[in-house]
Amino acid sequence: MKVIKNITPHQVSVSAESFTATLFAWAGYDVSAQYGANQPEYDLIVAQGEKMVKISVKGSQDGGWGLTQSFLSNGDYHGAIDEWYLKHSKRTIFSLVQFLDCDFDKGIMPRVYLASPYEIAVQMKQMRNGYGNTS
């Protein structure tokens, strides 16, 4: 398979969702994908027995995921992070998929990180020596 550099944002999004769904299915979870534009809060639902979790998938090919920039006002990074955090359910986790430096020919696959909105908010507030960041 040829390595594709700089795929479109749509291709990144579709690929990230596919990788996440594959990994959860491979781990023995039932996976349900939500398709269509403007999906509310989550892209996938994974379940195992009676346990169910919503998964919001974010893909990147540049090393970061812009999550809170649309909430930023007057340079208040912590306020933007708080506003972003409050929009997410405690039953939602994020799958952050990174395509930077992938090389399928050499077996270098995307990295996938799972984190709760709380964990992401804490990390984002610690960035830039505690001033916070939007990605």
N, C-alpha and C. Protein backbone atom coordinates (compact mmCIF):
# COMPACT_ATOMS: atom_id res chain seq x y z
N MET A 1 0.84 -1.17 0.00
CA MET A 1 0.00 0.00 0.00
C MET A 1 0.89 1.24 0.00
N LYS A 2 0.61 2.18 -0.86
CA LYS A 2 1.38 3.42 -0.95
C LYS A 2 1.02 4.35 0.20
N VAL A 3 2.03 5.01 0.75
CA VAL A 3 1.80 5.98 1.82
C VAL A 3 1.18 7.22 1.22
N ILE A 4 0.08 7.65 1.78
CA ILE A 4 -0.60 8.86 1.30
C ILE A 4 -0.27 10.00 2.25
N LYS A 5 0.29 11.04 1.73
CA LYS A 5 0.62 12.22 2.54
C LYS A 5 -0.45 13.27 2.35
N ASN A 6 -0.76 14.00 3.40
CA ASN A 6 -1.70 15.12 3.34
C ASN A 6 -3.04 14.75 2.73
N ILE A 7 -3.70 13.79 3.33
CA ILE A 7 -5.05 13.45 2.88
C ILE A 7 -6.00 14.57 3.30
N THR A 8 -7.16 14.62 2.70
CA THR A 8 -8.11 15.70 2.99
C THR A 8 -8.67 15.57 4.40
N PRO A 9 -9.19 16.66 4.96
CA PRO A 9 -9.81 16.58 6.29
C PRO A 9 -10.93 15.53 6.35
N HIS A 10 -11.69 15.42 5.28
CA HIS A 10 -12.76 14.41 5.25
C HIS A 10 -12.16 12.99 5.32
N GLN A 11 -11.09 12.75 4.57
CA GLN A 11 -10.44 11.44 4.60
C GLN A 11 -9.85 11.14 5.98
N VAL A 12 -9.30 12.16 6.63
CA VAL A 12 -8.77 11.99 8.00
C VAL A 12 -9.91 11.59 8.92
N SER A 13 -11.03 12.28 8.82
CA SER A 13 -12.18 12.00 9.68
C SER A 13 -12.71 10.57 9.49
N VAL A 14 -12.91 10.19 8.24
CA VAL A 14 -13.43 8.84 7.94
C VAL A 14 -12.43 7.78 8.39
N SER A 15 -11.15 8.00 8.13
CA SER A 15 -10.12 7.04 8.52
C SER A 15 -10.04 6.90 10.04
N ALA A 16 -10.09 8.02 10.76
CA ALA A 16 -10.02 7.98 12.22
C ALA A 16 -11.19 7.20 12.81
N GLU A 17 -12.38 7.43 12.29
CA GLU A 17 -13.55 6.71 12.77
C GLU A 17 -13.43 5.22 12.47
N SER A 18 -12.94 4.89 11.29
CA SER A 18 -12.78 3.48 10.91
C SER A 18 -11.75 2.78 11.80
N PHE A 19 -10.62 3.44 12.07
CA PHE A 19 -9.60 2.84 12.93
C PHE A 19 -10.16 2.61 14.33
N THR A 20 -10.87 3.59 14.85
CA THR A 20 -11.44 3.45 16.19
C THR A 20 -12.44 2.31 16.24
N ALA A 21 -13.34 2.25 15.27
CA ALA A 21 -14.34 1.18 15.22
C ALA A 21 -13.66 -0.19 15.13
N THR A 22 -12.63 -0.28 14.31
CA THR A 22 -11.91 -1.55 14.14
C THR A 22 -11.27 -2.00 15.45
N LEU A 23 -10.62 -1.07 16.14
CA LEU A 23 -9.94 -1.43 17.39
C LEU A 23 -10.93 -1.90 18.45
N PHE A 24 -12.06 -1.20 18.58
CA PHE A 24 -13.05 -1.63 19.57
C PHE A 24 -13.66 -2.98 19.18
N ALA A 25 -13.95 -3.19 17.90
CA ALA A 25 -14.49 -4.48 17.46
C ALA A 25 -13.48 -5.59 17.71
N TRP A 26 -12.23 -5.31 17.43
CA TRP A 26 -11.17 -6.29 17.64
C TRP A 26 -11.03 -6.65 19.12
N ALA A 27 -11.33 -5.68 20.01
CA ALA A 27 -11.26 -5.90 21.45
C ALA A 27 -12.52 -6.59 22.00
N GLY A 28 -13.46 -6.91 21.11
CA GLY A 28 -14.63 -7.66 21.54
C GLY A 28 -15.87 -6.85 21.85
N TYR A 29 -15.87 -5.58 21.48
CA TYR A 29 -17.04 -4.73 21.71
C TYR A 29 -17.98 -4.76 20.50
N ASP A 30 -19.26 -4.56 20.75
CA ASP A 30 -20.20 -4.30 19.68
C ASP A 30 -20.06 -2.82 19.33
N VAL A 31 -20.01 -2.50 18.04
CA VAL A 31 -19.80 -1.12 17.61
C VAL A 31 -20.95 -0.68 16.72
N SER A 32 -21.50 0.49 17.03
CA SER A 32 -22.55 1.07 16.22
C SER A 32 -22.08 2.44 15.77
N ALA A 33 -22.10 2.68 14.46
CA ALA A 33 -21.64 3.96 13.91
C ALA A 33 -22.83 4.84 13.59
N GLN A 34 -22.69 6.11 13.89
CA GLN A 34 -23.70 7.11 13.57
C GLN A 34 -23.22 7.84 12.32
N TYR A 35 -24.00 7.81 11.27
CA TYR A 35 -23.57 8.44 10.02
C TYR A 35 -24.41 9.68 9.72
N GLY A 36 -23.84 10.56 8.90
CA GLY A 36 -24.53 11.77 8.49
C GLY A 36 -23.84 13.01 9.02
N ALA A 37 -24.25 14.14 8.50
CA ALA A 37 -23.67 15.42 8.89
C ALA A 37 -24.17 15.85 10.26
N ASN A 38 -23.37 16.66 10.93
CA ASN A 38 -23.75 17.28 12.21
C ASN A 38 -24.19 16.27 13.26
N GLN A 39 -23.34 15.31 13.52
CA GLN A 39 -23.65 14.30 14.52
C GLN A 39 -23.54 14.91 15.92
N PRO A 40 -24.53 14.65 16.76
CA PRO A 40 -24.49 15.24 18.10
C PRO A 40 -23.53 14.50 19.03
N GLU A 41 -22.52 15.15 19.48
CA GLU A 41 -21.59 14.72 20.51
C GLU A 41 -20.77 13.47 20.24
N TYR A 42 -21.29 12.48 19.57
CA TYR A 42 -20.54 11.24 19.43
C TYR A 42 -20.64 10.68 18.01
N ASP A 43 -19.67 9.84 17.67
CA ASP A 43 -19.62 9.22 16.35
C ASP A 43 -19.95 7.73 16.41
N LEU A 44 -19.56 7.10 17.50
CA LEU A 44 -19.75 5.67 17.68
C LEU A 44 -20.35 5.38 19.05
N ILE A 45 -21.02 4.26 19.14
CA ILE A 45 -21.41 3.72 20.44
C ILE A 45 -20.77 2.35 20.52
N VAL A 46 -20.09 2.07 21.62
CA VAL A 46 -19.52 0.75 21.82
C VAL A 46 -20.19 0.14 23.04
N ALA A 47 -20.45 -1.15 22.96
CA ALA A 47 -21.14 -1.83 24.05
C ALA A 47 -20.54 -3.20 24.25
N GLN A 48 -20.60 -3.61 25.50
CA GLN A 48 -20.20 -4.97 25.86
C GLN A 48 -21.12 -5.39 26.99
N GLY A 49 -22.00 -6.33 26.70
CA GLY A 49 -23.02 -6.71 27.68
C GLY A 49 -23.95 -5.53 27.92
N GLU A 50 -24.14 -5.17 29.17
CA GLU A 50 -25.01 -4.05 29.53
C GLU A 50 -24.29 -2.70 29.52
N LYS A 51 -22.98 -2.71 29.39
CA LYS A 51 -22.19 -1.47 29.44
C LYS A 51 -22.13 -0.83 28.06
N MET A 52 -22.35 0.49 28.01
CA MET A 52 -22.36 1.22 26.75
C MET A 52 -21.65 2.56 26.94
N VAL A 53 -20.86 2.96 25.96
CA VAL A 53 -20.14 4.23 26.00
C VAL A 53 -20.25 4.90 24.64
N LYS A 54 -20.41 6.23 24.67
CA LYS A 54 -20.39 7.02 23.44
C LYS A 54 -18.94 7.42 23.16
N ILE A 55 -18.56 7.37 21.88
CA ILE A 55 -17.19 7.71 21.49
C ILE A 55 -17.23 8.87 20.50
N SER A 56 -16.53 9.94 20.83
CA SER A 56 -16.35 11.05 19.91
C SER A 56 -14.96 10.89 19.30
N VAL A 57 -14.89 10.79 17.99
CA VAL A 57 -13.63 10.51 17.29
C VAL A 57 -13.10 11.80 16.67
N LYS A 58 -11.82 12.07 16.91
CA LYS A 58 -11.14 13.21 16.32
C LYS A 58 -9.86 12.72 15.67
N GLY A 59 -9.67 13.02 14.40
CA GLY A 59 -8.47 12.63 13.68
C GLY A 59 -7.57 13.82 13.41
N SER A 60 -6.28 13.55 13.26
CA SER A 60 -5.32 14.60 12.96
C SER A 60 -4.17 14.02 12.15
N GLN A 61 -3.62 14.84 11.28
CA GLN A 61 -2.40 14.44 10.57
C GLN A 61 -1.30 15.47 10.77
N ASP A 62 -1.51 16.39 11.74
CA ASP A 62 -0.49 17.42 11.97
C ASP A 62 0.04 17.45 13.40
N GLY A 63 -0.34 16.48 14.23
CA GLY A 63 0.20 16.41 15.58
C GLY A 63 -0.71 16.93 16.66
N GLY A 64 -1.84 17.54 16.33
CA GLY A 64 -2.73 18.08 17.37
C GLY A 64 -4.19 17.98 16.96
N TRP A 65 -5.04 18.19 17.92
CA TRP A 65 -6.49 18.17 17.68
C TRP A 65 -7.06 19.48 18.19
N GLY A 66 -7.61 20.29 17.29
CA GLY A 66 -8.24 21.54 17.71
C GLY A 66 -9.59 21.22 18.32
N LEU A 67 -9.74 21.46 19.60
CA LEU A 67 -10.98 21.09 20.28
C LEU A 67 -11.78 22.28 20.81
N THR A 68 -11.10 23.31 21.28
CA THR A 68 -11.83 24.38 21.97
C THR A 68 -11.72 25.75 21.31
N GLN A 69 -11.08 25.85 20.14
CA GLN A 69 -10.85 27.17 19.54
C GLN A 69 -12.15 27.91 19.25
N SER A 70 -13.23 27.19 18.95
CA SER A 70 -14.50 27.87 18.66
C SER A 70 -15.13 28.48 19.92
N PHE A 71 -14.64 28.10 21.09
CA PHE A 71 -15.16 28.64 22.35
C PHE A 71 -14.30 29.78 22.88
N LEU A 72 -13.15 30.03 22.26
CA LEU A 72 -12.20 31.03 22.76
C LEU A 72 -12.71 32.44 22.53
N SER A 73 -12.68 33.22 23.60
CA SER A 73 -13.10 34.62 23.54
C SER A 73 -12.20 35.45 24.45
N ASN A 74 -11.68 36.55 23.93
CA ASN A 74 -10.84 37.46 24.71
C ASN A 74 -9.63 36.78 25.34
N GLY A 75 -9.09 35.76 24.68
CA GLY A 75 -7.90 35.10 25.19
C GLY A 75 -8.12 34.28 26.45
N ASP A 76 -9.38 33.98 26.79
CA ASP A 76 -9.70 33.21 27.99
C ASP A 76 -9.68 31.72 27.67
N TYR A 77 -8.48 31.14 27.71
CA TYR A 77 -8.32 29.74 27.35
C TYR A 77 -9.02 28.82 28.36
N HIS A 78 -8.89 29.13 29.63
CA HIS A 78 -9.53 28.28 30.65
C HIS A 78 -11.05 28.35 30.53
N GLY A 79 -11.59 29.50 30.22
CA GLY A 79 -13.04 29.64 30.01
C GLY A 79 -13.50 28.84 28.81
N ALA A 80 -12.71 28.86 27.73
CA ALA A 80 -13.05 28.10 26.53
C ALA A 80 -13.02 26.60 26.82
N ILE A 81 -12.01 26.18 27.57
CA ILE A 81 -11.90 24.75 27.93
C ILE A 81 -13.08 24.34 28.80
N ASP A 82 -13.43 25.17 29.78
CA ASP A 82 -14.57 24.87 30.65
C ASP A 82 -15.87 24.76 29.86
N GLU A 83 -16.07 25.69 28.93
CA GLU A 83 -17.29 25.68 28.12
C GLU A 83 -17.34 24.41 27.25
N TRP A 84 -16.21 24.05 26.66
CA TRP A 84 -16.13 22.82 25.86
C TRP A 84 -16.44 21.61 26.74
N TYR A 85 -15.83 21.55 27.91
CA TYR A 85 -16.00 20.41 28.82
C TYR A 85 -17.47 20.23 29.22
N LEU A 86 -18.16 21.31 29.51
CA LEU A 86 -19.56 21.23 29.95
C LEU A 86 -20.50 20.74 28.85
N LYS A 87 -20.07 20.77 27.62
CA LYS A 87 -20.91 20.30 26.51
C LYS A 87 -20.87 18.79 26.32
N HIS A 88 -20.08 18.10 27.12
CA HIS A 88 -19.90 16.66 26.93
C HIS A 88 -20.44 15.88 28.12
N SER A 89 -21.05 14.77 27.81
CA SER A 89 -21.60 13.86 28.80
C SER A 89 -20.48 13.10 29.51
N LYS A 90 -20.74 12.68 30.73
CA LYS A 90 -19.78 11.85 31.44
C LYS A 90 -19.69 10.45 30.83
N ARG A 91 -20.64 10.11 29.98
CA ARG A 91 -20.65 8.79 29.33
C ARG A 91 -20.02 8.85 27.94
N THR A 92 -19.31 9.93 27.64
CA THR A 92 -18.63 10.07 26.36
C THR A 92 -17.13 10.05 26.59
N ILE A 93 -16.42 9.31 25.75
CA ILE A 93 -14.96 9.39 25.77
C ILE A 93 -14.50 9.77 24.36
N PHE A 94 -13.30 10.30 24.30
CA PHE A 94 -12.73 10.72 23.03
C PHE A 94 -11.71 9.70 22.55
N SER A 95 -11.75 9.46 21.26
CA SER A 95 -10.73 8.69 20.58
C SER A 95 -9.97 9.68 19.71
N LEU A 96 -8.73 9.95 20.09
CA LEU A 96 -7.88 10.90 19.35
C LEU A 96 -6.92 10.08 18.50
N VAL A 97 -7.09 10.18 17.18
CA VAL A 97 -6.33 9.36 16.25
C VAL A 97 -5.32 10.26 15.53
N GLN A 98 -4.05 9.85 15.57
CA GLN A 98 -2.97 10.65 14.99
C GLN A 98 -2.34 9.93 13.81
N PHE A 99 -2.42 10.56 12.62
CA PHE A 99 -1.86 10.00 11.40
C PHE A 99 -0.47 10.55 11.07
N LEU A 100 0.01 11.52 11.83
CA LEU A 100 1.34 12.09 11.59
C LEU A 100 2.40 10.99 11.70
N ASP A 101 3.28 10.93 10.72
CA ASP A 101 4.39 9.99 10.67
C ASP A 101 3.97 8.53 10.49
N CYS A 102 2.74 8.28 10.04
CA CYS A 102 2.32 6.91 9.74
C CYS A 102 2.96 6.47 8.43
N ASP A 103 3.28 5.20 8.36
CA ASP A 103 3.79 4.62 7.13
C ASP A 103 3.28 3.18 7.07
N PHE A 104 2.18 3.00 6.37
CA PHE A 104 1.55 1.68 6.32
C PHE A 104 2.47 0.65 5.71
N ASP A 105 3.32 1.04 4.75
CA ASP A 105 4.25 0.10 4.13
C ASP A 105 5.24 -0.47 5.15
N LYS A 106 5.57 0.32 6.14
CA LYS A 106 6.53 -0.12 7.17
C LYS A 106 5.82 -0.60 8.44
N GLY A 107 4.51 -0.67 8.41
CA GLY A 107 3.77 -1.15 9.58
C GLY A 107 3.61 -0.10 10.67
N ILE A 108 3.84 1.16 10.35
CA ILE A 108 3.69 2.23 11.34
C ILE A 108 2.26 2.75 11.23
N MET A 109 1.45 2.30 12.15
CA MET A 109 0.02 2.59 12.12
C MET A 109 -0.29 3.87 12.90
N PRO A 110 -1.49 4.43 12.73
CA PRO A 110 -1.89 5.60 13.50
C PRO A 110 -1.90 5.28 15.00
N ARG A 111 -1.58 6.28 15.79
CA ARG A 111 -1.69 6.15 17.24
C ARG A 111 -3.09 6.56 17.64
N VAL A 112 -3.67 5.82 18.58
CA VAL A 112 -5.03 6.10 19.05
C VAL A 112 -4.98 6.27 20.56
N TYR A 113 -5.47 7.40 21.03
CA TYR A 113 -5.49 7.71 22.45
C TYR A 113 -6.93 7.83 22.91
N LEU A 114 -7.26 7.23 24.03
CA LEU A 114 -8.59 7.34 24.60
C LEU A 114 -8.52 8.19 25.86
N ALA A 115 -9.45 9.14 25.99
CA ALA A 115 -9.45 10.01 27.16
C ALA A 115 -10.86 10.55 27.39
N SER A 116 -11.16 10.81 28.63
CA SER A 116 -12.45 11.43 28.97
C SER A 116 -12.35 12.93 28.73
N PRO A 117 -13.49 13.61 28.59
CA PRO A 117 -13.45 15.06 28.46
C PRO A 117 -12.74 15.71 29.65
N TYR A 118 -12.93 15.16 30.84
CA TYR A 118 -12.26 15.71 32.03
C TYR A 118 -10.74 15.61 31.89
N GLU A 119 -10.24 14.44 31.49
CA GLU A 119 -8.80 14.27 31.34
C GLU A 119 -8.23 15.23 30.29
N ILE A 120 -8.96 15.42 29.21
CA ILE A 120 -8.51 16.34 28.16
C ILE A 120 -8.50 17.77 28.68
N ALA A 121 -9.57 18.16 29.39
CA ALA A 121 -9.65 19.53 29.93
C ALA A 121 -8.50 19.81 30.89
N VAL A 122 -8.20 18.86 31.76
CA VAL A 122 -7.09 19.04 32.71
C VAL A 122 -5.79 19.23 31.96
N GLN A 123 -5.53 18.39 30.98
CA GLN A 123 -4.30 18.47 30.19
C GLN A 123 -4.20 19.80 29.45
N MET A 124 -5.31 20.22 28.84
CA MET A 124 -5.29 21.47 28.06
C MET A 124 -5.04 22.68 28.95
N LYS A 125 -5.56 22.66 30.18
CA LYS A 125 -5.33 23.78 31.10
C LYS A 125 -3.88 23.85 31.57
N GLN A 126 -3.17 22.73 31.58
CA GLN A 126 -1.78 22.71 32.02
C GLN A 126 -0.81 23.17 30.93
N MET A 127 -1.26 23.22 29.70
CA MET A 127 -0.38 23.58 28.59
C MET A 127 0.03 25.04 28.67
N ARG A 128 1.10 25.36 28.02
CA ARG A 128 1.67 26.73 27.98
C ARG A 128 1.84 27.28 29.40
N ASN A 129 2.50 26.49 30.24
CA ASN A 129 2.79 26.88 31.63
C ASN A 129 1.54 27.28 32.41
N GLY A 130 0.45 26.59 32.17
CA GLY A 130 -0.76 26.82 32.92
C GLY A 130 -1.71 27.85 32.34
N TYR A 131 -1.34 28.46 31.20
CA TYR A 131 -2.23 29.42 30.55
C TYR A 131 -3.33 28.74 29.73
N GLY A 132 -3.07 27.50 29.35
CA GLY A 132 -4.04 26.74 28.57
C GLY A 132 -3.82 26.88 27.08
N ASN A 133 -4.50 25.98 26.35
CA ASN A 133 -4.39 26.00 24.90
C ASN A 133 -5.67 25.43 24.31
N THR A 134 -5.88 25.63 23.02
CA THR A 134 -7.12 25.18 22.39
C THR A 134 -6.99 23.81 21.72
N SER A 135 -5.79 23.25 21.69
CA SER A 135 -5.62 21.95 21.05
C SER A 135 -4.67 21.09 21.87
